[in-house]
Amino acid sequence: MVRAFPHEPGVDAGGRLVLHVATDAPSFRVRIERWSDGVEIVHEAGPFNGEDAPPGVPDEPWNWPSIALALPRDLVPGAYVARLIPDGGSAARGAPRDDTPDARWGTALFVVRAPSPARVLVNLPLFTYHAYNSAHVRVTPGGDEGACLYSGYPAVTLRRPGGGTGGHPWDEANIDFYDRTSPRQTFAHWDLYALQWFARERIAVDVCTDLDLHRGDVDLARYALLCSFGHDEYWTREKRARVESWVDGGGNLAFFGGNTCWFRVRYDEASASIARDGKWSDDEPEDALTGLSYRRGGGKWIGPRPATAYRVERGDHALFRDAHVRNDDLVGAGASLIGYEFDGVDPERAPAGLTVLARAPLDGWNVSDGSGEIAPGGHAAMATFRRGEGVVFNAGTTDWARALGWGDARVKAITRSVVRRLSETARG
């Protein structure tokens, strides 16, 4: 077995990718794959001598042996996986499958930055991946929950295996009834579906991580639209401040997810770690950025959900111009679109000018068995509002990207219309 993690989750084309690796194999090789609509093998290196190392402590970088790979200069921006193949080849017993970027060991996720004409930037929720990352520990119900923010550990480092792929998510045992191909809180579960859709629509996108936005390592002024998919739950103050400032100045923001920006974390450069920092206060509610809140939403984490769809309330809205939907049309009816977590409108904290585009009641939902939770007055909503010179759209449900992957016609049409409108709109 071989486990690995990148020293930095973002690297420039033509730069050096540093991987920390521990393995009981005598040697291994590395294959660099770009994942979009399918997989492209862009680089191979090795063999490298194997060296084993024990797990480190959860909140400090794991001081594992490292290798450095020079990446080709002609790499295009996007999401990449380093696949580490131990001596014996990819067919060795228990080796990760080649047809998916998802694995519990032998893979490491990173993004490549490169000059690009793209007007759309897609953010991968790295902080949320790691908030649920139990690294080498396979979580078992009633047993070892591993060390992650969700299991109660106060801080966890990003420099350990996992973080999108190559580790065990805390809720791995809670199998997604609608997508058993990967655990929740992984790159493959929601974000890859989004990148596949962009590729099939021939919409050029750049990719970044939370850490890029936190540090300001990505020039948001280059883009018309920033998109987030799936479960973008954990934000730092710095990430939020940079995104808000950019939107106020004319950038457009589309959340195709749910439970967005619910928890606040601190990032420490010295330990490359995130630590819980509470929730957003009444003076700075997440609604001011997202328009919606889990405070008036909920979720069902275990088992099937009632087949719930959005009912369109503003089919005449400009963001729906190319979607060809009308009032009372149902969106996502055949894809169980609402869930696994979703956000609603809090009338006491919703930003001025918020327009509800569609809404989903929770008729028939029962979570009294502990399979989920629903806030008082809980519902799911799709909404938009103008913030400063920019526009914010929020789809309000984590499974939007899965419905894209399933090919739901109205989900695809709305996504296409929103992305087209907000990416073509001139800043300011």
Protein backbone atom coordinates (compact mmCIF):
# COMPACT_ATOMS: atom_id res chain seq x y z
CA MET A 1 0.00 0.00 0.00
CA VAL A 2 1.11 3.58 -0.65
CA ARG A 3 -0.29 6.80 0.75
CA ALA A 4 0.59 10.34 -0.29
CA PHE A 5 -0.34 13.99 -0.08
CA PRO A 6 0.86 17.15 -1.87
CA HIS A 7 2.98 19.64 0.02
CA GLU A 8 0.89 22.37 -1.63
CA PRO A 9 -2.52 21.65 -3.22
CA GLY A 10 -1.91 24.12 -6.05
CA VAL A 11 1.05 24.26 -8.44
CA ASP A 12 1.89 26.17 -11.61
CA ALA A 13 2.29 24.43 -14.95
CA GLY A 14 6.00 23.88 -15.44
CA GLY A 15 6.56 24.02 -11.69
CA ARG A 16 7.48 21.35 -9.17
CA LEU A 17 4.92 19.09 -7.54
CA VAL A 18 6.18 17.91 -4.16
CA LEU A 19 4.54 14.74 -2.86
CA HIS A 20 5.05 13.23 0.58
CA VAL A 21 4.89 9.44 0.31
CA ALA A 22 4.88 6.50 2.70
CA THR A 23 4.76 2.91 1.42
CA ASP A 24 5.65 -0.63 2.41
CA ALA A 25 6.49 -1.40 -1.22
CA PRO A 26 10.15 -1.46 -2.29
CA SER A 27 9.43 0.99 -5.12
CA PHE A 28 6.63 2.89 -6.80
CA ARG A 29 5.95 5.06 -9.80
CA VAL A 30 3.76 8.12 -10.26
CA ARG A 31 1.19 8.87 -12.94
CA ILE A 32 -0.22 12.39 -13.26
CA GLU A 33 -3.83 12.49 -14.49
CA ARG A 34 -6.04 15.40 -15.45
CA TRP A 35 -9.70 14.74 -14.65
CA SER A 36 -12.41 16.52 -16.57
CA ASP A 37 -14.72 14.71 -18.98
CA GLY A 38 -12.74 11.52 -18.57
CA VAL A 39 -9.09 11.15 -17.70
CA GLU A 40 -5.97 12.28 -19.54
CA ILE A 41 -2.57 10.90 -18.52
CA VAL A 42 -0.17 13.84 -18.84
CA HIS A 43 3.01 12.66 -17.15
CA GLU A 44 4.64 9.55 -15.69
CA ALA A 45 7.70 9.27 -13.50
CA GLY A 46 9.65 6.69 -11.54
CA PRO A 47 10.41 4.21 -10.24
CA PHE A 48 11.16 5.78 -6.87
CA ASN A 49 12.53 3.93 -3.88
CA GLY A 50 9.84 3.21 -1.33
CA GLU A 51 10.14 4.20 2.32
CA ASP A 52 7.58 3.61 4.99
CA ALA A 53 6.62 6.12 7.70
CA PRO A 54 4.11 6.15 10.56
CA PRO A 55 1.10 8.47 10.69
CA GLY A 56 1.73 11.84 12.31
CA VAL A 57 -0.41 13.77 14.76
CA PRO A 58 -3.61 15.24 13.29
CA ASP A 59 -2.80 18.94 13.68
CA GLU A 60 0.83 19.01 12.51
CA PRO A 61 2.26 18.29 9.04
CA TRP A 62 3.20 14.66 8.62
CA ASN A 63 6.94 14.61 8.07
CA TRP A 64 6.95 11.87 5.46
CA PRO A 65 9.67 11.35 2.83
CA SER A 66 9.14 13.51 -0.24
CA ILE A 67 9.73 13.38 -3.97
CA ALA A 68 9.63 16.29 -6.42
CA LEU A 69 8.27 16.04 -9.95
CA ALA A 70 8.87 18.65 -12.66
CA LEU A 71 5.51 19.20 -14.35
CA PRO A 72 5.28 19.84 -18.11
CA ARG A 73 5.01 23.51 -19.06
CA ASP A 74 2.11 22.88 -21.42
CA LEU A 75 -0.31 21.56 -18.79
CA VAL A 76 -3.72 23.17 -19.01
CA PRO A 77 -5.37 24.45 -15.83
CA GLY A 78 -7.65 22.06 -13.99
CA ALA A 79 -8.04 19.35 -11.37
CA TYR A 80 -5.30 16.70 -11.30
CA VAL A 81 -4.66 13.48 -9.44
CA ALA A 82 -1.26 11.96 -8.73
CA ARG A 83 -1.73 8.19 -8.85
CA LEU A 84 1.00 6.28 -7.01
CA ILE A 85 1.41 2.71 -8.18
CA PRO A 86 3.38 0.44 -5.82
CA ASP A 87 5.78 -2.21 -7.06
CA GLY A 88 3.64 -4.94 -8.57
CA GLY A 89 1.60 -2.68 -10.85
CA SER A 90 -1.88 -1.24 -10.80
CA ALA A 91 -3.39 -4.73 -10.78
CA ALA A 92 -1.91 -5.46 -7.35
CA ARG A 93 -4.45 -6.66 -4.80
CA GLY A 94 -6.44 -3.77 -3.37
CA ALA A 95 -5.03 -1.20 -5.79
CA PRO A 96 -7.23 1.82 -6.60
CA ARG A 97 -9.24 1.51 -9.82
CA ASP A 98 -7.96 3.40 -12.84
CA ASP A 99 -11.43 4.51 -13.98
CA THR A 100 -12.03 6.92 -11.09
CA PRO A 101 -10.01 9.56 -9.27
CA ASP A 102 -11.55 8.36 -6.03
CA ALA A 103 -9.60 5.97 -3.78
CA ARG A 104 -8.89 5.45 -0.10
CA TRP A 105 -5.14 5.20 -0.79
CA GLY A 106 -2.69 5.67 -3.63
CA THR A 107 -4.02 9.00 -4.94
CA ALA A 108 -3.50 12.70 -4.16
CA LEU A 109 -5.54 15.64 -5.47
CA PHE A 110 -4.05 18.96 -6.60
CA VAL A 111 -4.86 21.76 -9.05
CA VAL A 112 -2.71 23.19 -11.79
CA ARG A 113 -2.62 26.93 -12.50
CA ALA A 114 -1.72 28.19 -15.97
CA PRO A 115 -2.44 31.19 -18.22
CA SER A 116 -5.93 30.80 -19.62
CA PRO A 117 -8.65 32.82 -21.39
CA ALA A 118 -11.32 31.29 -19.13
CA ARG A 119 -13.89 33.66 -17.66
CA VAL A 120 -15.18 31.05 -15.19
CA LEU A 121 -13.34 29.90 -12.07
CA VAL A 122 -14.44 26.74 -10.20
CA ASN A 123 -13.46 26.39 -6.55
CA LEU A 124 -12.80 22.99 -4.97
CA PRO A 125 -13.84 23.02 -1.27
CA LEU A 126 -10.49 21.84 0.14
CA PHE A 127 -11.27 22.99 3.68
CA THR A 128 -14.46 20.92 3.73
CA TYR A 129 -12.65 17.88 2.32
CA HIS A 130 -10.19 18.10 5.21
CA ALA A 131 -12.78 18.98 7.84
CA TYR A 132 -14.17 15.47 7.21
CA ASN A 133 -10.85 13.77 6.43
CA SER A 134 -9.93 10.93 8.79
CA ALA A 135 -6.80 10.22 6.73
CA HIS A 136 -5.64 6.63 7.27
CA VAL A 137 -8.43 5.65 9.68
CA ARG A 138 -11.37 3.79 8.24
CA VAL A 139 -14.26 5.03 10.33
CA THR A 140 -16.63 2.39 11.66
CA PRO A 141 -20.00 3.05 13.32
CA GLY A 142 -19.50 2.89 17.08
CA GLY A 143 -15.74 2.49 16.61
CA ASP A 144 -12.79 4.71 15.77
CA GLU A 145 -14.04 7.97 14.24
CA GLY A 146 -10.58 9.16 13.29
CA ALA A 147 -9.33 12.68 13.84
CA CYS A 148 -11.16 15.40 11.90
CA LEU A 149 -13.10 18.53 12.71
CA TYR A 150 -16.38 16.68 12.36
CA SER A 151 -15.36 14.04 14.89
CA GLY A 152 -14.53 16.79 17.38
CA TYR A 153 -10.79 17.26 16.88
CA PRO A 154 -9.97 20.97 17.31
CA ALA A 155 -7.57 21.32 14.36
CA VAL A 156 -6.32 19.20 11.45
CA THR A 157 -3.45 19.73 9.04
CA LEU A 158 -3.89 19.73 5.28
CA ARG A 159 -0.56 17.91 5.01
CA ARG A 160 -1.74 14.36 5.53
CA PRO A 161 -3.33 11.88 3.13
CA GLY A 162 -6.90 12.57 2.08
CA GLY A 163 -8.39 15.91 1.20
CA GLY A 164 -10.50 15.02 -1.83
CA THR A 165 -9.05 11.58 -2.52
CA GLY A 166 -6.56 9.12 -1.05
CA GLY A 167 -7.99 9.02 2.47
CA HIS A 168 -11.05 8.03 4.48
CA PRO A 169 -13.87 10.60 4.92
CA TRP A 170 -15.53 10.63 8.33
CA ASP A 171 -18.95 9.73 6.90
CA GLU A 172 -17.70 7.02 4.54
CA ALA A 173 -19.95 4.51 6.28
CA ASN A 174 -23.04 6.64 5.55
CA ILE A 175 -23.32 5.47 1.96
CA ASP A 176 -25.09 7.89 -0.36
CA PHE A 177 -28.24 6.10 -1.50
CA TYR A 178 -28.13 8.02 -4.80
CA ASP A 179 -24.45 7.67 -5.65
CA ARG A 180 -22.59 4.68 -4.28
CA THR A 181 -19.60 5.21 -6.56
CA SER A 182 -17.79 7.48 -4.07
CA PRO A 183 -18.17 8.69 -0.48
CA ARG A 184 -19.44 12.16 0.25
CA GLN A 185 -16.83 14.84 1.01
CA THR A 186 -14.64 13.71 -1.88
CA PHE A 187 -13.72 15.33 -5.19
CA ALA A 188 -15.43 12.62 -7.22
CA HIS A 189 -18.76 12.85 -5.40
CA TRP A 190 -19.90 16.30 -6.53
CA ASP A 191 -17.12 18.43 -8.00
CA LEU A 192 -16.07 16.04 -10.75
CA TYR A 193 -19.63 15.95 -12.10
CA ALA A 194 -19.44 19.74 -12.43
CA LEU A 195 -16.13 19.67 -14.31
CA GLN A 196 -17.48 16.97 -16.61
CA TRP A 197 -20.49 19.16 -17.40
CA PHE A 198 -18.34 22.20 -18.21
CA ALA A 199 -16.17 20.09 -20.51
CA ARG A 200 -19.18 18.68 -22.36
CA GLU A 201 -20.60 22.18 -22.75
CA ARG A 202 -17.18 23.32 -24.04
CA ILE A 203 -17.00 26.05 -21.43
CA ALA A 204 -13.39 26.75 -20.48
CA VAL A 205 -12.84 26.91 -16.70
CA ASP A 206 -9.92 27.42 -14.38
CA VAL A 207 -9.84 25.58 -11.04
CA CYS A 208 -8.68 26.74 -7.62
CA THR A 209 -8.97 25.60 -4.01
CA ASP A 210 -10.10 27.28 -0.82
CA LEU A 211 -6.46 27.86 0.05
CA ASP A 212 -5.92 29.90 -3.12
CA LEU A 213 -8.89 32.12 -2.23
CA HIS A 214 -7.81 32.37 1.42
CA ARG A 215 -4.28 33.46 0.53
CA GLY A 216 -5.24 35.59 -2.45
CA ASP A 217 -3.12 33.41 -4.75
CA VAL A 218 -5.71 33.60 -7.52
CA ASP A 219 -6.46 36.88 -9.29
CA LEU A 220 -10.24 37.04 -9.13
CA ALA A 221 -10.23 40.17 -11.29
CA ARG A 222 -9.47 37.92 -14.29
CA TYR A 223 -12.87 36.21 -14.03
CA ALA A 224 -16.49 37.14 -14.56
CA LEU A 225 -17.88 34.20 -12.57
CA LEU A 226 -16.81 32.10 -9.58
CA CYS A 227 -18.64 28.78 -9.13
CA SER A 228 -18.85 26.46 -6.16
CA PHE A 229 -20.48 23.01 -6.22
CA GLY A 230 -21.55 20.37 -3.73
CA HIS A 231 -20.61 20.94 -0.12
CA ASP A 232 -18.62 24.15 0.40
CA GLU A 233 -19.28 24.26 4.14
CA TYR A 234 -16.08 25.57 5.80
CA TRP A 235 -14.80 29.10 5.06
CA THR A 236 -12.12 31.31 6.60
CA ARG A 237 -12.71 35.00 7.22
CA GLU A 238 -10.02 35.78 4.66
CA LYS A 239 -11.59 33.68 1.93
CA ARG A 240 -14.98 35.22 2.54
CA ALA A 241 -13.63 38.78 2.65
CA ARG A 242 -11.80 38.39 -0.67
CA VAL A 243 -14.83 36.87 -2.39
CA GLU A 244 -17.19 39.52 -1.01
CA SER A 245 -14.91 42.35 -2.08
CA TRP A 246 -14.67 40.91 -5.58
CA VAL A 247 -18.47 40.53 -5.86
CA ASP A 248 -19.02 44.06 -4.57
CA GLY A 249 -16.73 45.27 -7.35
CA GLY A 250 -18.63 43.49 -10.10
CA GLY A 251 -17.74 39.79 -9.95
CA ASN A 252 -20.55 37.25 -10.20
CA LEU A 253 -20.91 34.28 -7.88
CA ALA A 254 -22.88 31.04 -8.36
CA PHE A 255 -23.35 28.50 -5.58
CA PHE A 256 -24.50 25.19 -7.06
CA GLY A 257 -24.52 23.51 -3.66
CA GLY A 258 -25.94 23.52 -0.17
CA ASN A 259 -24.96 24.01 3.49
CA THR A 260 -22.66 26.67 2.06
CA CYS A 261 -20.40 28.76 4.34
CA TRP A 262 -22.07 27.32 7.45
CA PHE A 263 -18.95 26.95 9.60
CA ARG A 264 -16.00 29.30 10.02
CA VAL A 265 -12.43 28.05 10.31
CA ARG A 266 -9.00 29.58 10.94
CA TYR A 267 -6.03 28.63 8.78
CA ASP A 268 -2.54 28.48 10.31
CA GLU A 269 0.34 28.71 7.81
CA ALA A 270 2.97 27.22 10.14
CA SER A 271 1.08 23.95 10.60
CA ALA A 272 -0.95 24.16 7.35
CA SER A 273 -3.98 23.42 9.53
CA ILE A 274 -7.58 24.48 9.86
CA ALA A 275 -9.30 24.92 13.21
CA ARG A 276 -12.93 25.55 14.09
CA ASP A 277 -13.73 29.24 14.58
CA GLY A 278 -17.44 29.05 15.39
CA LYS A 279 -20.31 30.13 13.18
CA TRP A 280 -20.91 33.49 11.56
CA SER A 281 -22.39 36.07 13.91
CA ASP A 282 -25.63 38.00 13.63
CA ASP A 283 -23.55 40.97 12.45
CA GLU A 284 -22.06 38.97 9.57
CA PRO A 285 -24.47 36.11 8.75
CA GLU A 286 -23.50 33.89 5.86
CA ASP A 287 -26.75 34.92 4.15
CA ALA A 288 -25.16 38.29 3.38
CA LEU A 289 -22.90 36.42 0.97
CA THR A 290 -24.96 33.38 -0.02
CA GLY A 291 -28.54 34.70 0.17
CA LEU A 292 -29.65 31.42 1.80
CA SER A 293 -28.81 29.58 5.01
CA TYR A 294 -28.78 26.10 6.48
CA ARG A 295 -30.39 27.86 9.45
CA ARG A 296 -33.69 27.52 7.54
CA GLY A 297 -32.78 24.34 5.67
CA GLY A 298 -31.75 20.88 6.75
CA GLY A 299 -30.65 17.53 5.49
CA LYS A 300 -31.18 13.80 5.41
CA TRP A 301 -27.89 11.95 5.60
CA ILE A 302 -28.90 8.30 5.75
CA GLY A 303 -31.10 6.32 3.38
CA PRO A 304 -33.47 7.48 0.61
CA ARG A 305 -35.30 10.80 0.67
CA PRO A 306 -38.79 11.66 -0.53
CA ALA A 307 -38.47 12.59 -4.21
CA THR A 308 -38.59 16.36 -3.78
CA ALA A 309 -38.32 18.92 -6.59
CA TYR A 310 -38.15 22.68 -6.88
CA ARG A 311 -41.28 24.44 -8.09
CA VAL A 312 -40.41 27.47 -10.23
CA GLU A 313 -41.78 30.79 -8.94
CA ARG A 314 -40.02 33.24 -11.28
CA GLY A 315 -39.81 31.65 -14.69
CA ASP A 316 -39.56 35.14 -16.21
CA HIS A 317 -36.32 36.00 -14.41
CA ALA A 318 -33.35 37.05 -16.54
CA LEU A 319 -31.18 34.23 -15.16
CA PHE A 320 -33.71 31.76 -16.56
CA ARG A 321 -33.82 33.42 -19.98
CA ASP A 322 -32.18 30.50 -21.78
CA ALA A 323 -33.61 27.75 -19.55
CA HIS A 324 -37.15 27.91 -21.00
CA VAL A 325 -38.87 27.21 -17.70
CA ARG A 326 -42.23 28.55 -16.60
CA ASN A 327 -43.90 29.17 -13.28
CA ASP A 328 -44.93 25.94 -11.54
CA ASP A 329 -42.50 23.82 -13.57
CA LEU A 330 -40.81 21.18 -11.42
CA VAL A 331 -37.00 21.02 -11.40
CA GLY A 332 -35.18 17.83 -10.47
CA ALA A 333 -38.29 15.74 -9.90
CA GLY A 334 -36.71 12.57 -11.26
CA ALA A 335 -33.30 13.13 -9.70
CA SER A 336 -34.23 13.54 -6.00
CA LEU A 337 -32.57 16.93 -6.32
CA ILE A 338 -33.22 18.29 -2.83
CA GLY A 339 -30.59 17.05 -0.35
CA TYR A 340 -28.53 15.59 1.05
CA GLU A 341 -28.32 19.04 2.65
CA PHE A 342 -30.08 22.21 1.56
CA ASP A 343 -30.52 25.87 2.44
CA GLY A 344 -33.60 28.04 2.84
CA VAL A 345 -34.55 31.70 3.20
CA ASP A 346 -34.31 33.31 6.62
CA PRO A 347 -36.62 36.35 6.30
CA GLU A 348 -34.94 38.02 9.28
CA ARG A 349 -31.45 37.93 7.75
CA ALA A 350 -31.92 37.58 4.01
CA PRO A 351 -30.18 40.33 2.02
CA ALA A 352 -32.27 43.16 0.64
CA GLY A 353 -33.58 42.50 -2.84
CA LEU A 354 -33.39 38.70 -2.59
CA THR A 355 -35.51 37.06 -5.28
CA VAL A 356 -36.70 33.50 -4.69
CA LEU A 357 -36.63 31.75 -8.06
CA ALA A 358 -37.94 28.38 -6.91
CA ARG A 359 -38.85 26.66 -3.67
CA ALA A 360 -39.24 23.13 -2.38
CA PRO A 361 -41.36 22.23 0.67
CA LEU A 362 -40.44 19.17 2.68
CA ASP A 363 -43.75 17.33 2.63
CA GLY A 364 -43.30 13.75 3.78
CA TRP A 365 -39.80 14.21 5.14
CA ASN A 366 -39.27 12.36 8.43
CA VAL A 367 -35.93 12.57 10.22
CA SER A 368 -37.16 11.64 13.70
CA ASP A 369 -35.08 8.46 13.47
CA GLY A 370 -31.85 10.50 13.52
CA SER A 371 -31.25 10.14 9.79
CA GLY A 372 -31.13 13.93 9.37
CA GLU A 373 -32.36 17.25 10.70
CA ILE A 374 -34.75 19.92 9.51
CA ALA A 375 -34.77 23.45 10.89
CA PRO A 376 -38.01 25.03 12.08
CA GLY A 377 -39.75 26.28 8.97
CA GLY A 378 -37.21 24.32 6.95
CA HIS A 379 -37.38 24.30 3.17
CA ALA A 380 -35.07 24.48 0.18
CA ALA A 381 -34.85 27.54 -2.04
CA MET A 382 -33.17 28.69 -5.22
CA ALA A 383 -32.50 32.42 -5.11
CA THR A 384 -30.54 35.36 -6.48
CA PHE A 385 -29.73 38.91 -5.45
CA ARG A 386 -27.51 41.79 -6.41
CA ARG A 387 -24.64 42.53 -4.04
CA GLY A 388 -22.81 45.74 -4.84
CA GLU A 389 -22.01 45.63 -8.55
CA GLY A 390 -22.14 41.83 -8.71
CA VAL A 391 -24.81 39.14 -8.80
CA VAL A 392 -25.11 36.08 -6.55
CA PHE A 393 -27.04 32.95 -7.52
CA ASN A 394 -27.64 30.08 -5.11
CA ALA A 395 -29.09 26.71 -6.14
CA GLY A 396 -29.50 25.78 -2.48
CA THR A 397 -28.87 22.00 -2.56
CA THR A 398 -25.73 19.86 -2.42
CA ASP A 399 -26.93 17.36 -5.01
CA TRP A 400 -27.21 19.85 -7.86
CA ALA A 401 -23.97 18.52 -9.40
CA ARG A 402 -25.19 14.91 -9.13
CA ALA A 403 -28.38 15.86 -10.97
CA LEU A 404 -26.15 17.40 -13.66
CA GLY A 405 -24.30 14.09 -13.83
CA TRP A 406 -27.59 12.23 -14.12
CA GLY A 407 -28.51 14.45 -17.05
CA ASP A 408 -31.63 16.03 -15.57
CA ALA A 409 -32.88 18.25 -18.41
CA ARG A 410 -34.07 21.23 -16.36
CA VAL A 411 -31.08 21.19 -14.02
CA LYS A 412 -28.82 21.25 -17.08
CA ALA A 413 -30.84 24.02 -18.72
CA ILE A 414 -30.81 26.24 -15.62
CA THR A 415 -27.09 25.67 -15.05
CA ARG A 416 -26.37 26.54 -18.68
CA SER A 417 -28.51 29.68 -18.52
CA VAL A 418 -27.04 30.92 -15.22
CA VAL A 419 -23.44 30.26 -16.26
CA ARG A 420 -23.95 31.88 -19.65
CA ARG A 421 -25.63 34.98 -18.24
CA LEU A 422 -23.19 35.53 -15.39
CA SER A 423 -20.02 34.73 -17.31
CA GLU A 424 -20.94 37.02 -20.21
CA THR A 425 -21.92 39.93 -18.01
CA ALA A 426 -19.24 42.64 -18.01
CA ARG A 427 -17.77 43.44 -14.60
CA GLY A 428 -19.46 46.44 -13.04
